[in-house]
Amino acid sequence: MDIEEFRAYCLSFPHTHEGMPFQGFFKNSRSILVFYVGKKMFSFFDIDKFDYCTLKCDPEVIETLREHNGIQKPFNLSWKHWISVALNGDVSDEMVKDLVKKSYALVSAGLSKKST
């Protein structure tokens, strides 16, 4: 899956929008593209590298998922609620899409109708 296909997939979910909120704050984070449902993020990646994405995840399945090659602890986020997923082929496109879908569902389930 290339960067445009991944981006289109993330944007295909209802009430989803994208942004680059870190451009003016952190030198190493200027190229981070974030996908939101309402005001809550569910996925993001570095557009300059596109080597992994970070996704919200059900805490009950995180440890099992991390046993899979290509799924690891995220950089600078809660290891209890987020995972980092390799986009280099270690994780199949189907599994990446499934994890994105679950991330979106997890975040959107926590929103009130007013915030979407």
C-alpha atoms as a PDB file:
ATOM      1  CA  MET A   1       0.000   0.000   0.000  1.00  0.00           C
ATOM      2  CA  ASP A   2       1.406   3.378  -0.900  1.00  0.00           C
ATOM      3  CA  ILE A   3       0.967   6.664   0.932  1.00  0.00           C
ATOM      4  CA  GLU A   4      -1.946   7.892  -1.211  1.00  0.00           C
ATOM      5  CA  GLU A   5      -3.884   4.645  -0.839  1.00  0.00           C
ATOM      6  CA  PHE A   6      -3.350   4.719   2.930  1.00  0.00           C
ATOM      7  CA  ARG A   7      -4.438   8.358   3.119  1.00  0.00           C
ATOM      8  CA  ALA A   8      -7.558   7.706   1.023  1.00  0.00           C
ATOM      9  CA  TYR A   9      -8.459   4.737   3.208  1.00  0.00           C
ATOM     10  CA  CYS A  10      -8.180   6.787   6.409  1.00  0.00           C
ATOM     11  CA  LEU A  11     -10.271   9.586   4.903  1.00  0.00           C
ATOM     12  CA  SER A  12     -12.977   7.136   3.779  1.00  0.00           C
ATOM     13  CA  PHE A  13     -14.425   6.876   7.289  1.00  0.00           C
ATOM     14  CA  PRO A  14     -17.342   9.170   8.284  1.00  0.00           C
ATOM     15  CA  HIS A  15     -16.492  12.493   9.951  1.00  0.00           C
ATOM     16  CA  THR A  16     -12.767  12.018   9.294  1.00  0.00           C
ATOM     17  CA  HIS A  17     -10.407  14.844   8.471  1.00  0.00           C
ATOM     18  CA  GLU A  18      -6.652  15.289   8.362  1.00  0.00           C
ATOM     19  CA  GLY A  19      -4.204  17.829   9.660  1.00  0.00           C
ATOM     20  CA  MET A  20      -0.569  18.517  10.419  1.00  0.00           C
ATOM     21  CA  PRO A  21      -0.779  19.882  13.959  1.00  0.00           C
ATOM     22  CA  PHE A  22       2.917  19.680  14.837  1.00  0.00           C
ATOM     23  CA  GLN A  23       4.393  21.807  12.019  1.00  0.00           C
ATOM     24  CA  GLY A  24       5.281  24.761  14.192  1.00  0.00           C
ATOM     25  CA  PHE A  25       6.208  22.911  17.352  1.00  0.00           C
ATOM     26  CA  PHE A  26       8.669  20.070  16.977  1.00  0.00           C
ATOM     27  CA  LYS A  27      11.467  19.985  14.409  1.00  0.00           C
ATOM     28  CA  ASN A  28      11.300  16.214  13.953  1.00  0.00           C
ATOM     29  CA  SER A  29       7.491  16.188  13.806  1.00  0.00           C
ATOM     30  CA  ARG A  30       6.795  18.774  11.114  1.00  0.00           C
ATOM     31  CA  SER A  31       5.795  16.178   8.550  1.00  0.00           C
ATOM     32  CA  ILE A  32       3.392  14.163  10.722  1.00  0.00           C
ATOM     33  CA  LEU A  33      -0.011  13.760   9.053  1.00  0.00           C
ATOM     34  CA  VAL A  34      -2.777  13.040  11.566  1.00  0.00           C
ATOM     35  CA  PHE A  35      -6.240  11.617  10.869  1.00  0.00           C
ATOM     36  CA  TYR A  36      -9.042  12.623  13.198  1.00  0.00           C
ATOM     37  CA  VAL A  37     -12.591  11.591  13.837  1.00  0.00           C
ATOM     38  CA  GLY A  38     -14.165  14.642  15.368  1.00  0.00           C
ATOM     39  CA  LYS A  39     -11.348  16.186  17.389  1.00  0.00           C
ATOM     40  CA  LYS A  40      -9.676  12.898  18.370  1.00  0.00           C
ATOM     41  CA  MET A  41      -6.827  11.322  16.430  1.00  0.00           C
ATOM     42  CA  PHE A  42      -6.959   7.688  15.385  1.00  0.00           C
ATOM     43  CA  SER A  43      -3.995   7.391  13.000  1.00  0.00           C
ATOM     44  CA  PHE A  44      -0.860   9.259  12.015  1.00  0.00           C
ATOM     45  CA  PHE A  45       2.381   8.824  10.101  1.00  0.00           C
ATOM     46  CA  ASP A  46       5.393  10.762   8.836  1.00  0.00           C
ATOM     47  CA  ILE A  47       4.804  11.763   5.193  1.00  0.00           C
ATOM     48  CA  ASP A  48       8.550  12.068   4.590  1.00  0.00           C
ATOM     49  CA  LYS A  49       9.240   8.468   5.622  1.00  0.00           C
ATOM     50  CA  PHE A  50       5.955   6.500   5.412  1.00  0.00           C
ATOM     51  CA  ASP A  51       7.669   3.613   7.162  1.00  0.00           C
ATOM     52  CA  TYR A  52       5.107   3.070   9.927  1.00  0.00           C
ATOM     53  CA  CYS A  53       1.793   4.407  11.212  1.00  0.00           C
ATOM     54  CA  THR A  54       0.626   4.824  14.767  1.00  0.00           C
ATOM     55  CA  LEU A  55      -2.875   3.633  15.668  1.00  0.00           C
ATOM     56  CA  LYS A  56      -5.146   3.604  18.696  1.00  0.00           C
ATOM     57  CA  CYS A  57      -5.716   0.049  19.880  1.00  0.00           C
ATOM     58  CA  ASP A  58      -7.812  -1.935  22.330  1.00  0.00           C
ATOM     59  CA  PRO A  59      -5.578  -2.446  25.387  1.00  0.00           C
ATOM     60  CA  GLU A  60      -6.798  -6.036  25.710  1.00  0.00           C
ATOM     61  CA  VAL A  61      -5.224  -7.083  22.382  1.00  0.00           C
ATOM     62  CA  ILE A  62      -2.073  -4.957  22.276  1.00  0.00           C
ATOM     63  CA  GLU A  63       0.277  -7.543  23.775  1.00  0.00           C
ATOM     64  CA  THR A  64      -0.956 -10.233  21.383  1.00  0.00           C
ATOM     65  CA  LEU A  65      -0.555  -7.898  18.409  1.00  0.00           C
ATOM     66  CA  ARG A  66       2.995  -6.996  19.439  1.00  0.00           C
ATOM     67  CA  GLU A  67       3.963 -10.647  19.028  1.00  0.00           C
ATOM     68  CA  HIS A  68       3.498 -10.075  15.284  1.00  0.00           C
ATOM     69  CA  ASN A  69       6.597  -8.965  13.383  1.00  0.00           C
ATOM     70  CA  GLY A  70       6.134  -5.296  12.443  1.00  0.00           C
ATOM     71  CA  ILE A  71       3.898  -4.246  15.339  1.00  0.00           C
ATOM     72  CA  GLN A  72       5.628  -2.536  18.221  1.00  0.00           C
ATOM     73  CA  LYS A  73       5.360   0.051  20.953  1.00  0.00           C
ATOM     74  CA  PRO A  74       4.782   3.578  19.649  1.00  0.00           C
ATOM     75  CA  PHE A  75       7.230   6.404  20.008  1.00  0.00           C
ATOM     76  CA  ASN A  76       6.161   9.008  22.555  1.00  0.00           C
ATOM     77  CA  LEU A  77       2.606   7.747  23.214  1.00  0.00           C
ATOM     78  CA  SER A  78       0.970   5.462  25.762  1.00  0.00           C
ATOM     79  CA  TRP A  79       2.053   1.868  25.159  1.00  0.00           C
ATOM     80  CA  LYS A  80      -1.228   0.825  26.755  1.00  0.00           C
ATOM     81  CA  HIS A  81      -3.440   2.440  24.105  1.00  0.00           C
ATOM     82  CA  TRP A  82      -1.350   2.829  20.921  1.00  0.00           C
ATOM     83  CA  ILE A  83       0.657   0.647  18.546  1.00  0.00           C
ATOM     84  CA  SER A  84       3.169   1.338  15.811  1.00  0.00           C
ATOM     85  CA  VAL A  85       2.589  -0.665  12.620  1.00  0.00           C
ATOM     86  CA  ALA A  86       5.326  -1.169  10.009  1.00  0.00           C
ATOM     87  CA  LEU A  87       4.377  -0.245   6.462  1.00  0.00           C
ATOM     88  CA  ASN A  88       7.346  -2.015   4.867  1.00  0.00           C
ATOM     89  CA  GLY A  89       5.555  -5.285   4.122  1.00  0.00           C
ATOM     90  CA  ASP A  90       6.051  -6.964   7.510  1.00  0.00           C
ATOM     91  CA  VAL A  91       2.336  -6.418   8.135  1.00  0.00           C
ATOM     92  CA  SER A  92      -0.053  -7.238   5.284  1.00  0.00           C
ATOM     93  CA  ASP A  93      -2.119  -4.465   3.721  1.00  0.00           C
ATOM     94  CA  GLU A  94      -5.274  -6.295   4.833  1.00  0.00           C
ATOM     95  CA  MET A  95      -4.099  -6.355   8.448  1.00  0.00           C
ATOM     96  CA  VAL A  96      -3.061  -2.684   8.311  1.00  0.00           C
ATOM     97  CA  LYS A  97      -6.517  -1.752   6.998  1.00  0.00           C
ATOM     98  CA  ASP A  98      -8.194  -3.860   9.674  1.00  0.00           C
ATOM     99  CA  LEU A  99      -6.146  -2.176  12.411  1.00  0.00           C
ATOM    100  CA  VAL A 100      -6.948   1.295  10.998  1.00  0.00           C
ATOM    101  CA  LYS A 101     -10.657   0.408  10.902  1.00  0.00           C
ATOM    102  CA  LYS A 102     -10.544  -0.804  14.506  1.00  0.00           C
ATOM    103  CA  SER A 103      -8.660   2.320  15.567  1.00  0.00           C
ATOM    104  CA  TYR A 104     -11.300   4.516  13.945  1.00  0.00           C
ATOM    105  CA  ALA A 105     -14.110   2.510  15.568  1.00  0.00           C
ATOM    106  CA  LEU A 106     -12.478   2.684  18.994  1.00  0.00           C
ATOM    107  CA  VAL A 107     -12.035   6.449  18.827  1.00  0.00           C
ATOM    108  CA  SER A 108     -15.418   7.211  17.249  1.00  0.00           C
ATOM    109  CA  ALA A 109     -17.212   5.082  19.854  1.00  0.00           C
ATOM    110  CA  GLY A 110     -15.829   7.372  22.546  1.00  0.00           C
ATOM    111  CA  LEU A 111     -17.128  10.571  20.966  1.00  0.00           C
ATOM    112  CA  SER A 112     -20.387  12.267  21.687  1.00  0.00           C
ATOM    113  CA  LYS A 113     -22.633  13.050  18.728  1.00  0.00           C
ATOM    114  CA  LYS A 114     -21.867  16.784  19.179  1.00  0.00           C
ATOM    115  CA  SER A 115     -18.122  16.429  18.532  1.00  0.00           C
ATOM    116  CA  THR A 116     -18.394  14.763  15.098  1.00  0.00           C
END
